């Protein structure tokens, strides 16, 4: 993954004096990707709970698998910029924080799941269909962040 993002960043010309190192930008991209996958893991886990509570066990199992896979993708991206042990801790913390925020959004009531569905379903499905577009999007966002004139960054 690191090589993929580094390649994208290296292909784009920019003023090196106004930029952090490519390694710093790669770490920032990876962290944002890891955070997004952690959010998806939380969303899928909460959706699993909603489906279980309504007796849809087969569908719930699919969301459990998706939650586990998103957590693994989050961990993989988090390891780009930290040790395995720290990446594991950070990934679990991100998932827990996201779950708490989402449960608060729906007021711990699964009948309010539409609030989460409208925000998370489509982006999470896209993220699970391939990491390349997600890395591309975050690479572009980080580049835009640093491509701003110096006087506007303050």
N, C-alpha and C. Protein backbone atom coordinates (compact mmCIF):
# COMPACT_ATOMS: atom_id res chain seq x y z
N UNK A 1 0.82 -1.19 0.00
CA UNK A 1 0.00 0.00 0.00
C UNK A 1 0.87 1.26 0.00
N UNK A 2 1.90 1.24 0.82
CA UNK A 2 2.79 2.40 0.92
C UNK A 2 3.39 2.72 -0.45
N UNK A 3 3.80 1.69 -1.18
CA UNK A 3 4.41 1.90 -2.49
C UNK A 3 3.39 2.49 -3.46
N UNK A 4 2.15 2.04 -3.38
CA UNK A 4 1.09 2.56 -4.24
C UNK A 4 0.90 4.06 -4.03
N UNK A 5 0.77 4.49 -2.78
CA UNK A 5 0.56 5.90 -2.47
C UNK A 5 1.80 6.71 -2.82
N UNK A 6 2.98 6.19 -2.51
CA UNK A 6 4.21 6.90 -2.82
C UNK A 6 4.34 7.12 -4.32
N UNK A 7 3.95 6.13 -5.11
CA UNK A 7 4.00 6.25 -6.56
C UNK A 7 3.08 7.35 -7.05
N UNK A 8 1.86 7.39 -6.52
CA UNK A 8 0.91 8.43 -6.90
C UNK A 8 1.49 9.81 -6.57
N UNK A 9 2.01 9.94 -5.36
CA UNK A 9 2.57 11.23 -4.94
C UNK A 9 3.79 11.63 -5.77
N UNK A 10 4.61 10.66 -6.12
CA UNK A 10 5.82 10.95 -6.88
C UNK A 10 5.51 11.39 -8.30
N UNK A 11 4.41 10.92 -8.84
CA UNK A 11 4.04 11.26 -10.21
C UNK A 11 3.49 12.68 -10.34
N UNK A 12 3.07 13.25 -9.24
CA UNK A 12 2.49 14.58 -9.28
C UNK A 12 3.58 15.60 -8.96
N UNK A 13 3.70 16.61 -9.79
CA UNK A 13 4.73 17.61 -9.53
C UNK A 13 4.21 18.64 -8.54
N UNK A 14 5.05 19.02 -7.59
CA UNK A 14 4.70 20.04 -6.63
C UNK A 14 5.97 20.66 -6.08
N UNK A 15 5.85 21.80 -5.45
CA UNK A 15 6.97 22.54 -4.90
C UNK A 15 7.44 21.86 -3.62
N UNK A 16 8.58 21.22 -3.68
CA UNK A 16 9.09 20.46 -2.53
C UNK A 16 9.38 21.34 -1.32
N UNK A 17 9.72 22.61 -1.54
CA UNK A 17 10.02 23.48 -0.41
C UNK A 17 8.79 23.74 0.45
N UNK A 18 7.62 23.73 -0.15
CA UNK A 18 6.39 24.00 0.58
C UNK A 18 5.70 22.73 1.04
N UNK A 19 6.30 21.59 0.79
CA UNK A 19 5.67 20.31 1.07
C UNK A 19 6.38 19.58 2.20
N UNK A 20 5.61 18.79 2.95
CA UNK A 20 6.28 17.85 3.86
C UNK A 20 6.89 16.74 3.00
N UNK A 21 7.65 15.87 3.61
CA UNK A 21 8.26 14.78 2.85
C UNK A 21 7.17 13.85 2.30
N UNK A 22 7.54 13.10 1.28
CA UNK A 22 6.60 12.12 0.71
C UNK A 22 6.22 11.10 1.78
N UNK A 23 7.17 10.71 2.62
CA UNK A 23 6.87 9.74 3.68
C UNK A 23 5.82 10.28 4.64
N UNK A 24 5.91 11.57 4.96
CA UNK A 24 4.93 12.19 5.84
C UNK A 24 3.56 12.22 5.19
N UNK A 25 3.53 12.54 3.90
CA UNK A 25 2.25 12.59 3.18
C UNK A 25 1.66 11.18 3.04
N UNK A 26 2.50 10.19 2.78
CA UNK A 26 2.03 8.80 2.68
C UNK A 26 1.42 8.37 4.01
N UNK A 27 2.07 8.71 5.11
CA UNK A 27 1.55 8.37 6.44
C UNK A 27 0.21 9.04 6.69
N UNK A 28 0.08 10.28 6.26
CA UNK A 28 -1.18 11.00 6.45
C UNK A 28 -2.30 10.38 5.60
N UNK A 29 -1.98 10.03 4.38
CA UNK A 29 -2.97 9.35 3.52
C UNK A 29 -3.38 8.02 4.16
N UNK A 30 -2.40 7.24 4.57
CA UNK A 30 -2.68 5.93 5.17
C UNK A 30 -3.52 6.06 6.43
N UNK A 31 -3.23 7.06 7.26
CA UNK A 31 -4.01 7.27 8.48
C UNK A 31 -5.46 7.62 8.17
N UNK A 32 -5.68 8.44 7.16
CA UNK A 32 -7.05 8.79 6.79
C UNK A 32 -7.79 7.58 6.22
N UNK A 33 -7.10 6.78 5.43
CA UNK A 33 -7.71 5.55 4.90
C UNK A 33 -8.03 4.60 6.06
N UNK A 34 -7.10 4.45 6.99
CA UNK A 34 -7.32 3.58 8.15
C UNK A 34 -8.52 4.05 8.96
N UNK A 35 -8.65 5.35 9.14
CA UNK A 35 -9.79 5.90 9.89
C UNK A 35 -11.10 5.62 9.18
N UNK A 36 -11.09 5.77 7.87
CA UNK A 36 -12.32 5.52 7.11
C UNK A 36 -12.73 4.05 7.18
N UNK A 37 -11.77 3.14 7.08
CA UNK A 37 -12.10 1.73 7.20
C UNK A 37 -12.58 1.40 8.62
N UNK A 38 -12.02 2.04 9.63
CA UNK A 38 -12.48 1.82 11.01
C UNK A 38 -13.94 2.27 11.16
N UNK A 39 -14.27 3.40 10.56
CA UNK A 39 -15.66 3.86 10.57
C UNK A 39 -16.58 2.86 9.91
N UNK A 40 -16.14 2.31 8.79
CA UNK A 40 -16.95 1.31 8.09
C UNK A 40 -17.11 0.06 8.94
N UNK A 41 -16.05 -0.35 9.61
CA UNK A 41 -16.14 -1.52 10.49
C UNK A 41 -17.20 -1.29 11.56
N UNK A 42 -17.20 -0.11 12.15
CA UNK A 42 -18.20 0.22 13.18
C UNK A 42 -19.60 0.24 12.58
N UNK A 43 -19.75 0.85 11.43
CA UNK A 43 -21.05 0.91 10.77
C UNK A 43 -21.58 -0.50 10.48
N UNK A 44 -20.73 -1.35 9.93
CA UNK A 44 -21.16 -2.71 9.62
C UNK A 44 -21.52 -3.48 10.90
N UNK A 45 -20.77 -3.26 11.98
CA UNK A 45 -21.06 -3.94 13.25
C UNK A 45 -22.42 -3.50 13.81
N UNK A 46 -22.69 -2.22 13.74
CA UNK A 46 -23.98 -1.73 14.24
C UNK A 46 -25.12 -2.23 13.35
N UNK A 47 -24.89 -2.27 12.06
CA UNK A 47 -25.90 -2.81 11.14
C UNK A 47 -26.14 -4.29 11.44
N UNK A 48 -25.08 -5.00 11.75
CA UNK A 48 -25.22 -6.41 12.13
C UNK A 48 -26.14 -6.53 13.35
N UNK A 49 -25.92 -5.70 14.35
CA UNK A 49 -26.77 -5.72 15.55
C UNK A 49 -28.23 -5.44 15.23
N UNK A 50 -28.45 -4.47 14.34
CA UNK A 50 -29.82 -4.14 13.96
C UNK A 50 -30.49 -5.33 13.27
N UNK A 51 -29.75 -5.99 12.40
CA UNK A 51 -30.31 -7.13 11.68
C UNK A 51 -30.56 -8.31 12.62
N UNK A 52 -29.66 -8.54 13.56
CA UNK A 52 -29.87 -9.61 14.54
C UNK A 52 -31.12 -9.35 15.38
N UNK A 53 -31.30 -8.09 15.76
CA UNK A 53 -32.46 -7.75 16.60
C UNK A 53 -33.78 -7.93 15.86
N UNK A 54 -33.73 -7.92 14.54
CA UNK A 54 -34.96 -8.12 13.78
C UNK A 54 -35.05 -9.55 13.21
N UNK A 55 -34.18 -10.44 13.70
CA UNK A 55 -34.25 -11.84 13.32
C UNK A 55 -33.68 -12.19 11.95
N UNK A 56 -32.90 -11.29 11.38
CA UNK A 56 -32.33 -11.54 10.05
C UNK A 56 -30.88 -12.01 10.20
N UNK A 57 -30.76 -13.22 10.74
CA UNK A 57 -29.44 -13.76 11.10
C UNK A 57 -28.51 -13.93 9.90
N UNK A 58 -29.04 -14.38 8.77
CA UNK A 58 -28.18 -14.60 7.58
C UNK A 58 -27.61 -13.28 7.08
N UNK A 59 -28.44 -12.25 7.03
CA UNK A 59 -27.95 -10.93 6.61
C UNK A 59 -26.97 -10.37 7.63
N UNK A 60 -27.26 -10.60 8.90
CA UNK A 60 -26.38 -10.12 9.97
C UNK A 60 -24.99 -10.73 9.83
N UNK A 61 -24.93 -11.99 9.46
CA UNK A 61 -23.63 -12.67 9.30
C UNK A 61 -22.80 -12.01 8.20
N UNK A 62 -23.45 -11.56 7.14
CA UNK A 62 -22.74 -10.88 6.06
C UNK A 62 -22.13 -9.56 6.56
N UNK A 63 -22.88 -8.84 7.38
CA UNK A 63 -22.37 -7.57 7.91
C UNK A 63 -21.28 -7.80 8.95
N UNK A 64 -21.36 -8.90 9.68
CA UNK A 64 -20.28 -9.24 10.61
C UNK A 64 -18.99 -9.48 9.83
N UNK A 65 -19.10 -10.23 8.74
CA UNK A 65 -17.92 -10.48 7.90
C UNK A 65 -17.37 -9.17 7.33
N UNK A 66 -18.27 -8.30 6.88
CA UNK A 66 -17.83 -7.01 6.33
C UNK A 66 -17.15 -6.17 7.40
N UNK A 67 -17.68 -6.19 8.62
CA UNK A 67 -17.08 -5.45 9.73
C UNK A 67 -15.67 -5.95 10.01
N UNK A 68 -15.52 -7.28 10.06
CA UNK A 68 -14.19 -7.86 10.31
C UNK A 68 -13.21 -7.52 9.19
N UNK A 69 -13.68 -7.58 7.95
CA UNK A 69 -12.81 -7.27 6.83
C UNK A 69 -12.40 -5.79 6.84
N UNK A 70 -13.34 -4.91 7.13
CA UNK A 70 -13.02 -3.48 7.21
C UNK A 70 -12.01 -3.21 8.33
N UNK A 71 -12.16 -3.91 9.44
CA UNK A 71 -11.21 -3.77 10.55
C UNK A 71 -9.81 -4.21 10.13
N UNK A 72 -9.73 -5.29 9.36
CA UNK A 72 -8.44 -5.76 8.87
C UNK A 72 -7.81 -4.76 7.91
N UNK A 73 -8.62 -4.17 7.03
CA UNK A 73 -8.12 -3.15 6.11
C UNK A 73 -7.63 -1.93 6.89
N UNK A 74 -8.37 -1.56 7.93
CA UNK A 74 -7.97 -0.43 8.77
C UNK A 74 -6.62 -0.71 9.43
N UNK A 75 -6.48 -1.91 9.97
CA UNK A 75 -5.22 -2.29 10.61
C UNK A 75 -4.07 -2.28 9.62
N UNK A 76 -4.30 -2.79 8.44
CA UNK A 76 -3.27 -2.84 7.41
C UNK A 76 -2.80 -1.42 7.06
N UNK A 77 -3.74 -0.51 6.88
CA UNK A 77 -3.37 0.88 6.55
C UNK A 77 -2.70 1.56 7.74
N UNK A 78 -3.16 1.26 8.95
CA UNK A 78 -2.57 1.88 10.15
C UNK A 78 -1.12 1.44 10.35
N UNK A 79 -0.79 0.23 9.91
CA UNK A 79 0.58 -0.27 10.08
C UNK A 79 1.58 0.42 9.16
N UNK A 80 1.09 1.22 8.21
CA UNK A 80 2.01 1.95 7.34
C UNK A 80 2.85 2.96 8.11
N UNK A 81 2.31 3.45 9.23
CA UNK A 81 3.03 4.53 9.92
C UNK A 81 3.30 4.25 11.40
N UNK A 82 3.13 2.99 11.82
CA UNK A 82 3.37 2.66 13.23
C UNK A 82 3.62 1.16 13.37
N UNK A 83 4.04 0.76 14.55
CA UNK A 83 4.30 -0.66 14.81
C UNK A 83 3.00 -1.45 14.78
N UNK A 84 3.13 -2.76 14.64
CA UNK A 84 1.94 -3.63 14.62
C UNK A 84 1.14 -3.48 15.91
N UNK A 85 1.85 -3.47 17.03
CA UNK A 85 1.18 -3.36 18.33
C UNK A 85 0.41 -2.04 18.45
N UNK A 86 1.05 -0.95 18.08
CA UNK A 86 0.39 0.35 18.18
C UNK A 86 -0.74 0.45 17.15
N UNK A 87 -0.52 -0.09 15.96
CA UNK A 87 -1.57 -0.06 14.93
C UNK A 87 -2.80 -0.81 15.41
N UNK A 88 -2.61 -1.91 16.10
CA UNK A 88 -3.73 -2.68 16.64
C UNK A 88 -4.50 -1.86 17.66
N UNK A 89 -3.78 -1.22 18.57
CA UNK A 89 -4.43 -0.38 19.59
C UNK A 89 -5.19 0.78 18.96
N UNK A 90 -4.55 1.44 18.01
CA UNK A 90 -5.18 2.60 17.35
C UNK A 90 -6.42 2.16 16.57
N UNK A 91 -6.32 1.05 15.87
CA UNK A 91 -7.45 0.55 15.09
C UNK A 91 -8.64 0.23 15.99
N UNK A 92 -8.40 -0.48 17.08
CA UNK A 92 -9.49 -0.81 18.01
C UNK A 92 -10.10 0.45 18.61
N UNK A 93 -9.26 1.41 18.96
CA UNK A 93 -9.77 2.66 19.53
C UNK A 93 -10.62 3.42 18.51
N UNK A 94 -10.18 3.46 17.27
CA UNK A 94 -10.95 4.15 16.23
C UNK A 94 -12.31 3.49 16.03
N UNK A 95 -12.33 2.18 16.01
CA UNK A 95 -13.60 1.46 15.83
C UNK A 95 -14.52 1.72 17.01
N UNK A 96 -13.98 1.66 18.22
CA UNK A 96 -14.79 1.91 19.41
C UNK A 96 -15.35 3.33 19.42
N UNK A 97 -14.52 4.31 19.08
CA UNK A 97 -14.99 5.70 19.03
C UNK A 97 -16.10 5.87 18.00
N UNK A 98 -15.90 5.27 16.84
CA UNK A 98 -16.91 5.37 15.78
C UNK A 98 -18.21 4.71 16.21
N UNK A 99 -18.12 3.57 16.86
CA UNK A 99 -19.33 2.89 17.32
C UNK A 99 -20.08 3.74 18.34
N UNK A 100 -19.36 4.34 19.26
CA UNK A 100 -20.01 5.20 20.26
C UNK A 100 -20.69 6.38 19.60
N UNK A 101 -20.00 7.02 18.65
CA UNK A 101 -20.60 8.16 17.94
C UNK A 101 -21.85 7.74 17.17
N UNK A 102 -21.78 6.60 16.52
CA UNK A 102 -22.93 6.13 15.73
C UNK A 102 -24.09 5.74 16.63
N UNK A 103 -23.80 5.08 17.74
CA UNK A 103 -24.87 4.70 18.67
C UNK A 103 -25.53 5.96 19.25
N UNK A 104 -24.72 6.97 19.49
CA UNK A 104 -25.28 8.23 19.97
C UNK A 104 -26.17 8.87 18.90
N UNK A 105 -25.73 8.81 17.64
CA UNK A 105 -26.50 9.38 16.53
C UNK A 105 -27.88 8.75 16.44
N UNK A 106 -27.94 7.42 16.62
CA UNK A 106 -29.24 6.74 16.51
C UNK A 106 -29.93 6.61 17.86
N UNK A 107 -29.36 7.24 18.87
CA UNK A 107 -29.90 7.20 20.24
C UNK A 107 -30.11 5.77 20.72
N UNK A 108 -29.14 4.90 20.39
CA UNK A 108 -29.17 3.49 20.77
C UNK A 108 -30.47 2.80 20.38
N UNK A 109 -31.06 3.25 19.27
CA UNK A 109 -32.34 2.71 18.82
C UNK A 109 -32.20 2.33 17.35
N UNK A 110 -32.24 1.03 17.08
CA UNK A 110 -32.04 0.55 15.72
C UNK A 110 -33.09 1.06 14.74
N UNK A 111 -34.23 1.51 15.22
CA UNK A 111 -35.24 2.04 14.30
C UNK A 111 -34.79 3.36 13.68
N UNK A 112 -33.69 3.91 14.19
CA UNK A 112 -33.13 5.15 13.64
C UNK A 112 -31.94 4.88 12.71
N UNK A 113 -31.78 3.64 12.28
CA UNK A 113 -30.64 3.26 11.44
C UNK A 113 -30.54 4.04 10.13
N UNK A 114 -31.65 4.56 9.66
CA UNK A 114 -31.61 5.30 8.40
C UNK A 114 -30.65 6.49 8.49
N UNK A 115 -30.47 7.02 9.70
CA UNK A 115 -29.52 8.13 9.89
C UNK A 115 -28.10 7.69 9.55
N UNK A 116 -27.75 6.47 9.91
CA UNK A 116 -26.42 5.95 9.60
C UNK A 116 -26.33 5.47 8.17
N UNK A 117 -27.41 4.86 7.70
CA UNK A 117 -27.41 4.32 6.33
C UNK A 117 -27.16 5.42 5.30
N UNK A 118 -27.81 6.56 5.46
CA UNK A 118 -27.65 7.62 4.46
C UNK A 118 -26.23 8.18 4.44
N UNK A 119 -25.56 8.13 5.57
CA UNK A 119 -24.20 8.68 5.63
C UNK A 119 -23.12 7.66 5.28
N UNK A 120 -23.30 6.41 5.70
CA UNK A 120 -22.20 5.44 5.64
C UNK A 120 -22.35 4.32 4.61
N UNK A 121 -23.55 3.95 4.25
CA UNK A 121 -23.71 2.74 3.43
C UNK A 121 -22.96 2.83 2.11
N UNK A 122 -23.23 3.84 1.33
CA UNK A 122 -22.60 3.94 0.01
C UNK A 122 -21.08 4.09 0.08
N UNK A 123 -20.56 5.02 0.91
CA UNK A 123 -19.09 5.13 0.97
C UNK A 123 -18.42 3.85 1.48
N UNK A 124 -19.06 3.15 2.40
CA UNK A 124 -18.45 1.93 2.93
C UNK A 124 -18.48 0.80 1.90
N UNK A 125 -19.55 0.71 1.15
CA UNK A 125 -19.59 -0.31 0.10
C UNK A 125 -18.50 -0.01 -0.93
N UNK A 126 -18.36 1.25 -1.30
CA UNK A 126 -17.30 1.62 -2.26
C UNK A 126 -15.92 1.28 -1.71
N UNK A 127 -15.69 1.59 -0.43
CA UNK A 127 -14.39 1.30 0.18
C UNK A 127 -14.10 -0.20 0.19
N UNK A 128 -15.13 -1.00 0.43
CA UNK A 128 -14.93 -2.44 0.49
C UNK A 128 -14.74 -3.05 -0.90
N UNK A 129 -15.13 -2.34 -1.92
CA UNK A 129 -14.96 -2.85 -3.29
C UNK A 129 -13.57 -2.61 -3.85
N UNK A 130 -12.72 -1.91 -3.11
CA UNK A 130 -11.35 -1.73 -3.56
C UNK A 130 -10.69 -0.55 -2.86
N UNK A 131 -9.46 -0.76 -2.46
CA UNK A 131 -8.76 0.29 -1.72
C UNK A 131 -8.17 1.37 -2.63
N UNK A 132 -7.94 1.05 -3.90
CA UNK A 132 -7.27 2.01 -4.79
C UNK A 132 -8.03 3.34 -4.92
N UNK A 133 -9.35 3.33 -5.16
CA UNK A 133 -10.05 4.63 -5.25
C UNK A 133 -10.01 5.40 -3.93
N UNK A 134 -10.06 4.69 -2.82
CA UNK A 134 -10.00 5.34 -1.51
C UNK A 134 -8.64 6.00 -1.30
N UNK A 135 -7.57 5.29 -1.63
CA UNK A 135 -6.23 5.88 -1.53
C UNK A 135 -6.07 7.05 -2.49
N UNK A 136 -6.62 6.92 -3.68
CA UNK A 136 -6.54 7.99 -4.66
C UNK A 136 -7.23 9.25 -4.14
N UNK A 137 -8.44 9.07 -3.60
CA UNK A 137 -9.21 10.22 -3.09
C UNK A 137 -8.45 10.91 -1.95
N UNK A 138 -7.93 10.12 -1.01
CA UNK A 138 -7.20 10.72 0.12
C UNK A 138 -5.87 11.33 -0.33
N UNK A 139 -5.22 10.72 -1.32
CA UNK A 139 -3.99 11.31 -1.85
C UNK A 139 -4.28 12.68 -2.44
N UNK A 140 -5.34 12.80 -3.21
CA UNK A 140 -5.72 14.09 -3.80
C UNK A 140 -6.07 15.12 -2.73
N UNK A 141 -6.80 14.69 -1.68
CA UNK A 141 -7.15 15.61 -0.59
C UNK A 141 -5.91 16.13 0.13
N UNK A 142 -4.97 15.23 0.40
CA UNK A 142 -3.75 15.63 1.11
C UNK A 142 -2.91 16.54 0.23
N UNK A 143 -2.83 16.23 -1.06
CA UNK A 143 -2.09 17.10 -1.97
C UNK A 143 -2.72 18.49 -2.02
N UNK A 144 -4.03 18.57 -2.10
CA UNK A 144 -4.72 19.87 -2.12
C UNK A 144 -4.43 20.63 -0.84
N UNK A 145 -4.39 19.94 0.26
CA UNK A 145 -4.11 20.57 1.55
C UNK A 145 -2.75 21.27 1.53
N UNK A 146 -1.75 20.62 0.96
CA UNK A 146 -0.40 21.17 0.96
C UNK A 146 -0.10 22.04 -0.25
N UNK A 147 -0.92 21.98 -1.27
CA UNK A 147 -0.71 22.80 -2.46
C UNK A 147 -1.24 24.22 -2.30
N UNK A 148 -1.89 24.51 -1.18
CA UNK A 148 -2.40 25.86 -0.94
C UNK A 148 -1.21 26.81 -0.76
N UNK A 149 -1.38 28.06 -1.20
CA UNK A 149 -0.30 29.04 -0.96
C UNK A 149 0.00 29.16 0.54
N UNK A 150 1.24 29.41 0.86
CA UNK A 150 1.68 29.45 2.26
C UNK A 150 0.87 30.41 3.12
N UNK A 151 0.50 31.56 2.58
CA UNK A 151 -0.23 32.54 3.36
C UNK A 151 -1.66 32.08 3.68
N UNK A 152 -2.21 31.13 2.93
CA UNK A 152 -3.56 30.65 3.19
C UNK A 152 -3.57 29.44 4.12
N UNK A 153 -2.43 28.82 4.37
CA UNK A 153 -2.37 27.63 5.22
C UNK A 153 -2.44 27.98 6.70
N UNK A 154 -2.22 29.20 7.04
CA UNK A 154 -2.15 29.58 8.46
C UNK A 154 -3.48 29.75 9.07
